Amino acid sequence: MKDLIQKSIRESIAVKQTILADAAFLKKIELAAQAFITTFRGGGKILFCGNGGSAADAQHLAAELSGRF
């Protein structure tokens, strides 16, 4: 079990390191965040939708934004 946990954590770290090394992807994240900020400051809202697993992702994203921010 310990090996499985460590493997999962190492894989998560590897994904984050890959993202950190990708300047173009980081710029896309920045642009998306700025679009969210502009929308919220302007009194707008952001809608997430999906079907199946994508619906679960959409619900999770909406919950993260409403719960944290």
C-alpha atoms as a PDB file:
ATOM      1  CA  MET A   1       0.000   0.000   0.000  1.00  0.00           C
ATOM      2  CA  LYS A   2       2.822   2.382   0.894  1.00  0.00           C
ATOM      3  CA  ASP A   3       4.360   1.902  -2.580  1.00  0.00           C
ATOM      4  CA  LEU A   4       1.038   2.694  -4.253  1.00  0.00           C
ATOM      5  CA  ILE A   5       0.664   5.900  -2.246  1.00  0.00           C
ATOM      6  CA  GLN A   6       4.215   6.989  -3.032  1.00  0.00           C
ATOM      7  CA  LYS A   7       3.722   6.199  -6.734  1.00  0.00           C
ATOM      8  CA  SER A   8       0.573   8.297  -6.837  1.00  0.00           C
ATOM      9  CA  ILE A   9       2.308  11.239  -5.162  1.00  0.00           C
ATOM     10  CA  ARG A  10       5.326  10.978  -7.480  1.00  0.00           C
ATOM     11  CA  GLU A  11       3.040  10.962 -10.533  1.00  0.00           C
ATOM     12  CA  SER A  12       1.255  14.057  -9.228  1.00  0.00           C
ATOM     13  CA  ILE A  13       4.579  15.830  -8.725  1.00  0.00           C
ATOM     14  CA  ALA A  14       5.698  14.852 -12.243  1.00  0.00           C
ATOM     15  CA  VAL A  15       2.542  16.340 -13.763  1.00  0.00           C
ATOM     16  CA  LYS A  16       3.064  19.603 -11.874  1.00  0.00           C
ATOM     17  CA  GLN A  17       6.725  19.754 -12.919  1.00  0.00           C
ATOM     18  CA  THR A  18       5.691  19.247 -16.541  1.00  0.00           C
ATOM     19  CA  ILE A  19       3.211  22.103 -16.263  1.00  0.00           C
ATOM     20  CA  LEU A  20       5.805  24.373 -14.647  1.00  0.00           C
ATOM     21  CA  ALA A  21       8.206  23.695 -17.524  1.00  0.00           C
ATOM     22  CA  ASP A  22       5.613  24.558 -20.200  1.00  0.00           C
ATOM     23  CA  ALA A  23       5.576  28.352 -20.622  1.00  0.00           C
ATOM     24  CA  ALA A  24       2.843  28.271 -23.270  1.00  0.00           C
ATOM     25  CA  PHE A  25       0.532  26.241 -21.038  1.00  0.00           C
ATOM     26  CA  LEU A  26       1.210  28.520 -18.064  1.00  0.00           C
ATOM     27  CA  LYS A  27       0.288  31.506 -20.246  1.00  0.00           C
ATOM     28  CA  LYS A  28      -3.022  29.829 -21.137  1.00  0.00           C
ATOM     29  CA  ILE A  29      -3.754  29.299 -17.441  1.00  0.00           C
ATOM     30  CA  GLU A  30      -2.955  32.951 -16.780  1.00  0.00           C
ATOM     31  CA  LEU A  31      -5.246  34.115 -19.595  1.00  0.00           C
ATOM     32  CA  ALA A  32      -8.083  31.908 -18.345  1.00  0.00           C
ATOM     33  CA  ALA A  33      -7.660  33.210 -14.793  1.00  0.00           C
ATOM     34  CA  GLN A  34      -7.688  36.779 -16.051  1.00  0.00           C
ATOM     35  CA  ALA A  35     -10.869  36.101 -18.033  1.00  0.00           C
ATOM     36  CA  PHE A  36     -12.517  34.713 -14.878  1.00  0.00           C
ATOM     37  CA  ILE A  37     -11.452  37.747 -12.847  1.00  0.00           C
ATOM     38  CA  THR A  38     -12.686  40.186 -15.477  1.00  0.00           C
ATOM     39  CA  THR A  39     -16.010  38.355 -15.709  1.00  0.00           C
ATOM     40  CA  PHE A  40     -16.577  38.284 -11.947  1.00  0.00           C
ATOM     41  CA  ARG A  41     -15.539  41.909 -11.462  1.00  0.00           C
ATOM     42  CA  GLY A  42     -17.964  42.891 -14.214  1.00  0.00           C
ATOM     43  CA  GLY A  43     -20.826  41.192 -12.387  1.00  0.00           C
ATOM     44  CA  GLY A  44     -20.930  38.262 -14.777  1.00  0.00           C
ATOM     45  CA  LYS A  45     -20.995  34.573 -14.132  1.00  0.00           C
ATOM     46  CA  ILE A  46     -19.234  31.542 -15.529  1.00  0.00           C
ATOM     47  CA  LEU A  47     -21.152  28.415 -16.458  1.00  0.00           C
ATOM     48  CA  PHE A  48     -19.602  24.960 -16.492  1.00  0.00           C
ATOM     49  CA  CYS A  49     -21.239  22.002 -18.177  1.00  0.00           C
ATOM     50  CA  GLY A  50     -20.453  18.453 -19.126  1.00  0.00           C
ATOM     51  CA  ASN A  51     -21.817  15.005 -19.681  1.00  0.00           C
ATOM     52  CA  GLY A  52     -20.777  11.991 -17.632  1.00  0.00           C
ATOM     53  CA  GLY A  53     -17.259  12.407 -16.281  1.00  0.00           C
ATOM     54  CA  SER A  54     -17.086  15.903 -17.719  1.00  0.00           C
ATOM     55  CA  ALA A  55     -20.175  16.833 -15.685  1.00  0.00           C
ATOM     56  CA  ALA A  56     -18.381  15.692 -12.538  1.00  0.00           C
ATOM     57  CA  ASP A  57     -15.385  17.843 -13.538  1.00  0.00           C
ATOM     58  CA  ALA A  58     -17.702  20.805 -14.141  1.00  0.00           C
ATOM     59  CA  GLN A  59     -19.346  20.382 -10.741  1.00  0.00           C
ATOM     60  CA  HIS A  60     -15.969  20.151  -9.060  1.00  0.00           C
ATOM     61  CA  LEU A  61     -14.676  23.289 -10.776  1.00  0.00           C
ATOM     62  CA  ALA A  62     -17.821  25.251  -9.881  1.00  0.00           C
ATOM     63  CA  ALA A  63     -17.573  24.112  -6.263  1.00  0.00           C
ATOM     64  CA  GLU A  64     -13.896  25.114  -6.049  1.00  0.00           C
ATOM     65  CA  LEU A  65     -14.653  28.611  -7.304  1.00  0.00           C
ATOM     66  CA  SER A  66     -17.714  29.164  -5.134  1.00  0.00           C
ATOM     67  CA  GLY A  67     -16.177  27.628  -2.025  1.00  0.00           C
ATOM     68  CA  ARG A  68     -12.744  29.239  -2.140  1.00  0.00           C
ATOM     69  CA  PHE A  69     -13.280  32.504  -3.884  1.00  0.00           C
END
